[in-house]
Structures are given as structure tokens and as C-alpha cells.
């Protein structure tokens, strides 16, 4: 990993330590945007699926339309990075990553970013 990425992650960690959990998604996105980074949450999520930290779960729409939908969850092997929180649907969850593990997670995404 390059020194500039390590510095970025260190700076990001400092920011995360100052935030309340509810502020983190918006603040991290703004932090990256302000620095002209090409990192986008959807792109990071795609990488996390590619390296096995997350997985796509396919299900049939609950509206009865027959449409196939999906959500992403943290795989069992990587639950030390976060948890899958149940939603109002019995089968569906939302991935929530732990703040203290976030820099390590982003570093793994940077390391696996397509060249």
C-alpha cells in the first residue's frame, strides 16, 4: 500500500473518531468527495463482494410483482468487521460496519481496486 493511501487512512481514522455513528456515512462520503477521491460506496461494495467480504442475496419482491431483487450482507467469515442488522422483512438484513474496523476495510478495498 502506498504511503499516500496510508496517510489518507490515518486522516480518515481521525475523522471517524470524532463522529457520532449516525454521522459517519455522510461525513465519510463528504471527506472523500472533498479530496477528489474516486472512491464511491457502490464501487467499494462491489470490491467487497469480489473479495468475499460481502455477498449478494437474491430474493423475490415482496410486492408480488415477481421481480428479482437483492441486498448485500457481510459474509460469515468477516463478521468481525460488522454485523447484518435485521430489517422489517424477516429474511433481509442491512450490513453495518464497525467504525473501528472501517479503515482496515477501506484498505482492503484499496488493495484490491482494479488496476
N, C-alpha and C. Protein backbone atom coordinates (compact mmCIF):
# COMPACT_ATOMS: atom_id res chain seq x y z
N UNK A 1 0.84 -1.16 0.00
CA UNK A 1 0.00 0.00 0.00
C UNK A 1 0.90 1.23 0.00
N UNK A 2 0.50 2.23 -0.78
CA UNK A 2 1.34 3.42 -0.90
C UNK A 2 1.26 4.28 0.36
N UNK A 3 2.30 5.10 0.55
CA UNK A 3 2.35 6.00 1.71
C UNK A 3 1.19 6.98 1.67
N UNK A 4 0.80 7.47 0.50
CA UNK A 4 -0.31 8.43 0.42
C UNK A 4 -1.62 7.79 0.86
N UNK A 5 -1.83 6.53 0.53
CA UNK A 5 -3.05 5.84 0.97
C UNK A 5 -3.02 5.65 2.48
N UNK A 6 -1.87 5.31 3.03
CA UNK A 6 -1.75 5.15 4.48
C UNK A 6 -2.07 6.47 5.18
N UNK A 7 -1.55 7.57 4.64
CA UNK A 7 -1.86 8.90 5.21
C UNK A 7 -3.35 9.19 5.14
N UNK A 8 -3.96 8.88 3.97
CA UNK A 8 -5.40 9.08 3.80
C UNK A 8 -6.17 8.30 4.84
N UNK A 9 -5.79 7.04 5.04
CA UNK A 9 -6.49 6.19 6.00
C UNK A 9 -6.31 6.70 7.42
N UNK A 10 -5.13 7.20 7.74
CA UNK A 10 -4.87 7.76 9.06
C UNK A 10 -5.75 8.99 9.29
N UNK A 11 -5.84 9.84 8.30
CA UNK A 11 -6.67 11.03 8.38
C UNK A 11 -8.14 10.66 8.50
N UNK A 12 -8.56 9.66 7.75
CA UNK A 12 -9.94 9.18 7.80
C UNK A 12 -10.25 8.60 9.19
N UNK A 13 -9.31 7.87 9.76
CA UNK A 13 -9.49 7.31 11.10
C UNK A 13 -9.69 8.42 12.12
N UNK A 14 -8.89 9.48 12.02
CA UNK A 14 -9.04 10.62 12.93
C UNK A 14 -10.42 11.23 12.81
N UNK A 15 -10.91 11.37 11.58
CA UNK A 15 -12.25 11.90 11.36
C UNK A 15 -13.30 10.99 12.00
N UNK A 16 -13.20 9.70 11.77
CA UNK A 16 -14.18 8.75 12.30
C UNK A 16 -14.25 8.81 13.82
N UNK A 17 -13.11 9.03 14.45
CA UNK A 17 -13.08 9.07 15.91
C UNK A 17 -13.79 10.29 16.49
N UNK A 18 -14.10 11.28 15.66
CA UNK A 18 -14.77 12.49 16.14
C UNK A 18 -16.28 12.46 15.90
N UNK A 19 -16.78 11.44 15.23
CA UNK A 19 -18.17 11.43 14.80
C UNK A 19 -19.07 10.52 15.64
N UNK A 20 -20.33 10.89 15.68
CA UNK A 20 -21.35 10.00 16.21
C UNK A 20 -21.67 8.99 15.12
N UNK A 21 -22.08 7.76 15.48
CA UNK A 21 -22.35 6.74 14.46
C UNK A 21 -23.30 7.18 13.35
N UNK A 22 -24.33 7.95 13.69
CA UNK A 22 -25.30 8.37 12.67
C UNK A 22 -24.70 9.33 11.64
N UNK A 23 -23.60 10.00 11.98
CA UNK A 23 -22.97 10.97 11.08
C UNK A 23 -22.01 10.30 10.09
N UNK A 24 -21.59 9.10 10.36
CA UNK A 24 -20.48 8.51 9.61
C UNK A 24 -20.70 8.40 8.11
N UNK A 25 -21.82 7.80 7.63
CA UNK A 25 -21.93 7.67 6.16
C UNK A 25 -21.80 8.98 5.42
N UNK A 26 -22.53 10.02 5.85
CA UNK A 26 -22.48 11.31 5.15
C UNK A 26 -21.11 11.95 5.27
N UNK A 27 -20.51 11.89 6.44
CA UNK A 27 -19.22 12.52 6.65
C UNK A 27 -18.10 11.84 5.87
N UNK A 28 -18.12 10.52 5.80
CA UNK A 28 -17.09 9.79 5.04
C UNK A 28 -17.24 10.10 3.56
N UNK A 29 -18.46 10.10 3.06
CA UNK A 29 -18.68 10.44 1.65
C UNK A 29 -18.19 11.85 1.35
N UNK A 30 -18.49 12.80 2.23
CA UNK A 30 -18.05 14.19 2.02
C UNK A 30 -16.53 14.29 2.10
N UNK A 31 -15.93 13.58 3.04
CA UNK A 31 -14.47 13.57 3.19
C UNK A 31 -13.81 13.12 1.88
N UNK A 32 -14.30 12.03 1.34
CA UNK A 32 -13.72 11.50 0.10
C UNK A 32 -13.98 12.45 -1.07
N UNK A 33 -15.19 12.99 -1.15
CA UNK A 33 -15.54 13.92 -2.23
C UNK A 33 -14.66 15.16 -2.17
N UNK A 34 -14.47 15.73 -0.97
CA UNK A 34 -13.66 16.95 -0.81
C UNK A 34 -12.22 16.75 -1.27
N UNK A 35 -11.73 15.54 -1.21
CA UNK A 35 -10.35 15.25 -1.58
C UNK A 35 -10.23 14.74 -3.01
N UNK A 36 -11.34 14.78 -3.75
CA UNK A 36 -11.31 14.37 -5.15
C UNK A 36 -11.02 12.89 -5.33
N UNK A 37 -11.36 12.11 -4.32
CA UNK A 37 -11.10 10.67 -4.41
C UNK A 37 -12.11 10.02 -5.34
N UNK A 38 -11.68 8.97 -6.00
CA UNK A 38 -12.54 8.24 -6.90
C UNK A 38 -13.30 7.15 -6.19
N UNK A 39 -13.13 7.06 -4.89
CA UNK A 39 -13.78 6.03 -4.10
C UNK A 39 -15.27 6.35 -3.96
N UNK A 40 -16.11 5.42 -4.35
CA UNK A 40 -17.55 5.59 -4.28
C UNK A 40 -18.12 4.39 -3.51
N UNK A 41 -19.11 4.60 -2.64
CA UNK A 41 -19.63 3.49 -1.84
C UNK A 41 -20.06 2.27 -2.66
N UNK A 42 -20.67 2.49 -3.81
CA UNK A 42 -21.10 1.35 -4.64
C UNK A 42 -19.88 0.59 -5.16
N UNK A 43 -18.85 1.33 -5.57
CA UNK A 43 -17.63 0.68 -6.06
C UNK A 43 -16.95 -0.11 -4.95
N UNK A 44 -16.91 0.46 -3.74
CA UNK A 44 -16.31 -0.25 -2.61
C UNK A 44 -17.12 -1.51 -2.32
N UNK A 45 -18.42 -1.40 -2.33
CA UNK A 45 -19.28 -2.55 -2.08
C UNK A 45 -19.03 -3.65 -3.12
N UNK A 46 -18.89 -3.26 -4.38
CA UNK A 46 -18.60 -4.24 -5.44
C UNK A 46 -17.28 -4.97 -5.17
N UNK A 47 -16.28 -4.23 -4.74
CA UNK A 47 -14.99 -4.85 -4.43
C UNK A 47 -15.12 -5.79 -3.25
N UNK A 48 -15.85 -5.38 -2.21
CA UNK A 48 -16.03 -6.23 -1.04
C UNK A 48 -16.75 -7.53 -1.40
N UNK A 49 -17.63 -7.48 -2.39
CA UNK A 49 -18.26 -8.71 -2.89
C UNK A 49 -17.22 -9.54 -3.63
N UNK A 50 -16.44 -8.90 -4.47
CA UNK A 50 -15.43 -9.63 -5.26
C UNK A 50 -14.39 -10.33 -4.40
N UNK A 51 -14.06 -9.76 -3.23
CA UNK A 51 -13.04 -10.38 -2.38
C UNK A 51 -13.65 -11.22 -1.26
N UNK A 52 -14.98 -11.35 -1.28
CA UNK A 52 -15.64 -12.28 -0.37
C UNK A 52 -16.02 -11.74 1.00
N UNK A 53 -15.90 -10.43 1.21
CA UNK A 53 -16.29 -9.85 2.50
C UNK A 53 -17.80 -9.67 2.56
N UNK A 54 -18.39 -9.37 1.43
CA UNK A 54 -19.85 -9.26 1.33
C UNK A 54 -20.34 -10.23 0.26
N UNK A 55 -21.64 -10.47 0.29
CA UNK A 55 -22.24 -11.30 -0.76
C UNK A 55 -23.61 -10.75 -1.12
N UNK A 56 -24.01 -11.01 -2.37
CA UNK A 56 -25.34 -10.65 -2.83
C UNK A 56 -26.32 -11.74 -2.42
N UNK A 57 -27.46 -11.33 -1.90
CA UNK A 57 -28.53 -12.25 -1.56
C UNK A 57 -29.71 -11.87 -2.44
N UNK A 58 -30.19 -12.84 -3.21
CA UNK A 58 -31.28 -12.60 -4.15
C UNK A 58 -32.59 -13.08 -3.52
N UNK A 59 -33.64 -12.28 -3.73
CA UNK A 59 -34.96 -12.66 -3.23
C UNK A 59 -36.03 -12.13 -4.17
N UNK A 60 -37.22 -12.71 -4.07
CA UNK A 60 -38.34 -12.26 -4.90
C UNK A 60 -39.01 -11.07 -4.21
N UNK A 61 -39.39 -10.08 -5.00
CA UNK A 61 -40.01 -8.88 -4.47
C UNK A 61 -41.19 -9.23 -3.57
N UNK A 62 -41.32 -8.50 -2.48
CA UNK A 62 -42.42 -8.74 -1.54
C UNK A 62 -43.72 -8.09 -2.00
N UNK A 63 -43.68 -7.35 -3.12
CA UNK A 63 -44.91 -6.70 -3.63
C UNK A 63 -45.75 -7.65 -4.46
N UNK A 64 -45.21 -8.84 -4.76
CA UNK A 64 -45.94 -9.80 -5.57
C UNK A 64 -45.71 -9.60 -7.06
N UNK A 65 -44.80 -8.72 -7.42
CA UNK A 65 -44.55 -8.44 -8.84
C UNK A 65 -43.76 -9.56 -9.52
N UNK A 66 -43.13 -10.41 -8.72
CA UNK A 66 -42.30 -11.47 -9.29
C UNK A 66 -40.90 -11.01 -9.65
N UNK A 67 -40.61 -9.73 -9.44
CA UNK A 67 -39.28 -9.21 -9.74
C UNK A 67 -38.25 -9.77 -8.78
N UNK A 68 -37.07 -9.97 -9.33
CA UNK A 68 -35.95 -10.43 -8.51
C UNK A 68 -35.21 -9.20 -7.98
N UNK A 69 -34.99 -9.20 -6.67
CA UNK A 69 -34.26 -8.10 -6.04
C UNK A 69 -33.08 -8.68 -5.29
N UNK A 70 -32.23 -7.81 -4.78
CA UNK A 70 -31.10 -8.31 -3.99
C UNK A 70 -30.69 -7.29 -2.93
N UNK A 71 -29.98 -7.78 -1.95
CA UNK A 71 -29.33 -6.94 -0.96
C UNK A 71 -27.97 -7.56 -0.69
N UNK A 72 -27.13 -6.81 -0.03
CA UNK A 72 -25.80 -7.31 0.29
C UNK A 72 -25.66 -7.47 1.79
N UNK A 73 -24.97 -8.54 2.17
CA UNK A 73 -24.71 -8.77 3.57
C UNK A 73 -23.24 -9.14 3.76
N UNK A 74 -22.78 -8.95 4.99
CA UNK A 74 -21.41 -9.34 5.33
C UNK A 74 -21.39 -10.86 5.45
N UNK A 75 -20.39 -11.48 4.83
CA UNK A 75 -20.30 -12.93 4.92
C UNK A 75 -19.89 -13.36 6.33
N UNK A 76 -20.25 -14.57 6.66
CA UNK A 76 -19.99 -15.11 8.00
C UNK A 76 -18.51 -14.99 8.40
N UNK A 77 -17.63 -15.23 7.46
CA UNK A 77 -16.18 -15.22 7.74
C UNK A 77 -15.66 -13.83 8.12
N UNK A 78 -16.39 -12.78 7.79
CA UNK A 78 -15.91 -11.42 8.02
C UNK A 78 -16.79 -10.62 8.98
N UNK A 79 -17.55 -11.29 9.82
CA UNK A 79 -18.41 -10.58 10.76
C UNK A 79 -17.62 -9.81 11.82
N UNK A 80 -16.31 -9.99 11.90
CA UNK A 80 -15.53 -9.17 12.82
C UNK A 80 -15.47 -7.71 12.35
N UNK A 81 -15.84 -7.45 11.09
CA UNK A 81 -15.85 -6.10 10.54
C UNK A 81 -17.19 -5.39 10.74
N UNK A 82 -18.23 -6.14 11.10
CA UNK A 82 -19.54 -5.52 11.27
C UNK A 82 -20.60 -6.57 11.52
N UNK A 83 -21.84 -6.16 11.34
CA UNK A 83 -22.94 -7.08 11.57
C UNK A 83 -24.04 -6.85 10.55
N UNK A 84 -24.86 -7.85 10.37
CA UNK A 84 -26.02 -7.78 9.49
C UNK A 84 -27.25 -7.55 10.36
N UNK A 85 -27.81 -6.35 10.27
CA UNK A 85 -28.93 -5.95 11.10
C UNK A 85 -30.24 -6.33 10.40
N UNK A 86 -31.13 -6.99 11.12
CA UNK A 86 -32.41 -7.38 10.55
C UNK A 86 -33.24 -6.13 10.22
N UNK A 87 -34.00 -6.24 9.14
CA UNK A 87 -34.91 -5.18 8.73
C UNK A 87 -36.33 -5.62 9.06
N UNK A 88 -37.30 -4.88 8.56
CA UNK A 88 -38.69 -5.26 8.83
C UNK A 88 -39.07 -6.55 8.11
N UNK A 89 -38.30 -6.93 7.11
CA UNK A 89 -38.53 -8.21 6.42
C UNK A 89 -37.74 -9.29 7.16
N UNK A 90 -38.35 -10.41 7.41
CA UNK A 90 -37.70 -11.48 8.18
C UNK A 90 -36.41 -11.98 7.55
N UNK A 91 -36.33 -11.94 6.25
CA UNK A 91 -35.21 -12.53 5.52
C UNK A 91 -34.12 -11.53 5.14
N UNK A 92 -34.39 -10.25 5.27
CA UNK A 92 -33.49 -9.22 4.75
C UNK A 92 -32.71 -8.56 5.89
N UNK A 93 -31.44 -8.22 5.59
CA UNK A 93 -30.61 -7.53 6.56
C UNK A 93 -29.93 -6.33 5.90
N UNK A 94 -29.37 -5.46 6.73
CA UNK A 94 -28.55 -4.34 6.27
C UNK A 94 -27.18 -4.49 6.90
N UNK A 95 -26.15 -4.41 6.09
CA UNK A 95 -24.77 -4.51 6.59
C UNK A 95 -24.39 -3.21 7.28
N UNK A 96 -23.86 -3.35 8.47
CA UNK A 96 -23.37 -2.20 9.24
C UNK A 96 -21.95 -2.51 9.68
N UNK A 97 -21.00 -1.75 9.19
CA UNK A 97 -19.60 -1.99 9.53
C UNK A 97 -19.22 -1.23 10.79
N UNK A 98 -18.34 -1.83 11.58
CA UNK A 98 -17.87 -1.21 12.81
C UNK A 98 -16.91 -0.07 12.48
N UNK A 99 -17.08 1.06 13.16
CA UNK A 99 -16.27 2.24 12.92
C UNK A 99 -14.79 1.95 13.13
N UNK A 100 -14.45 1.22 14.19
CA UNK A 100 -13.04 0.98 14.48
C UNK A 100 -12.37 0.04 13.48
N UNK A 101 -13.15 -0.68 12.69
CA UNK A 101 -12.59 -1.58 11.66
C UNK A 101 -12.68 -0.98 10.26
N UNK A 102 -13.34 0.17 10.15
CA UNK A 102 -13.57 0.77 8.84
C UNK A 102 -12.29 1.08 8.07
N UNK A 103 -11.28 1.69 8.69
CA UNK A 103 -10.06 1.96 7.92
C UNK A 103 -9.41 0.68 7.36
N UNK A 104 -9.42 -0.38 8.13
CA UNK A 104 -8.87 -1.65 7.64
C UNK A 104 -9.68 -2.18 6.46
N UNK A 105 -10.98 -2.03 6.55
CA UNK A 105 -11.86 -2.46 5.46
C UNK A 105 -11.59 -1.66 4.19
N UNK A 106 -11.47 -0.34 4.33
CA UNK A 106 -11.18 0.50 3.16
C UNK A 106 -9.79 0.16 2.60
N UNK A 107 -8.84 -0.12 3.47
CA UNK A 107 -7.50 -0.52 2.99
C UNK A 107 -7.58 -1.78 2.15
N UNK A 108 -8.40 -2.74 2.58
CA UNK A 108 -8.57 -3.98 1.80
C UNK A 108 -9.19 -3.66 0.44
N UNK A 109 -10.13 -2.72 0.42
CA UNK A 109 -10.73 -2.32 -0.86
C UNK A 109 -9.68 -1.67 -1.76
N UNK A 110 -8.86 -0.73 -1.20
CA UNK A 110 -7.80 -0.10 -1.98
C UNK A 110 -6.83 -1.15 -2.54
N UNK A 111 -6.46 -2.11 -1.71
CA UNK A 111 -5.52 -3.13 -2.14
C UNK A 111 -6.06 -3.99 -3.27
N UNK A 112 -7.37 -4.10 -3.37
CA UNK A 112 -8.00 -4.94 -4.37
C UNK A 112 -8.68 -4.15 -5.48
N UNK A 113 -8.43 -2.84 -5.51
CA UNK A 113 -9.03 -1.99 -6.54
C UNK A 113 -8.47 -2.39 -7.91
N UNK A 114 -9.34 -2.57 -8.90
CA UNK A 114 -8.84 -2.93 -10.24
C UNK A 114 -7.85 -1.92 -10.76
N UNK A 115 -6.76 -2.43 -11.30
CA UNK A 115 -5.69 -1.57 -11.82
C UNK A 115 -6.01 -1.14 -13.25
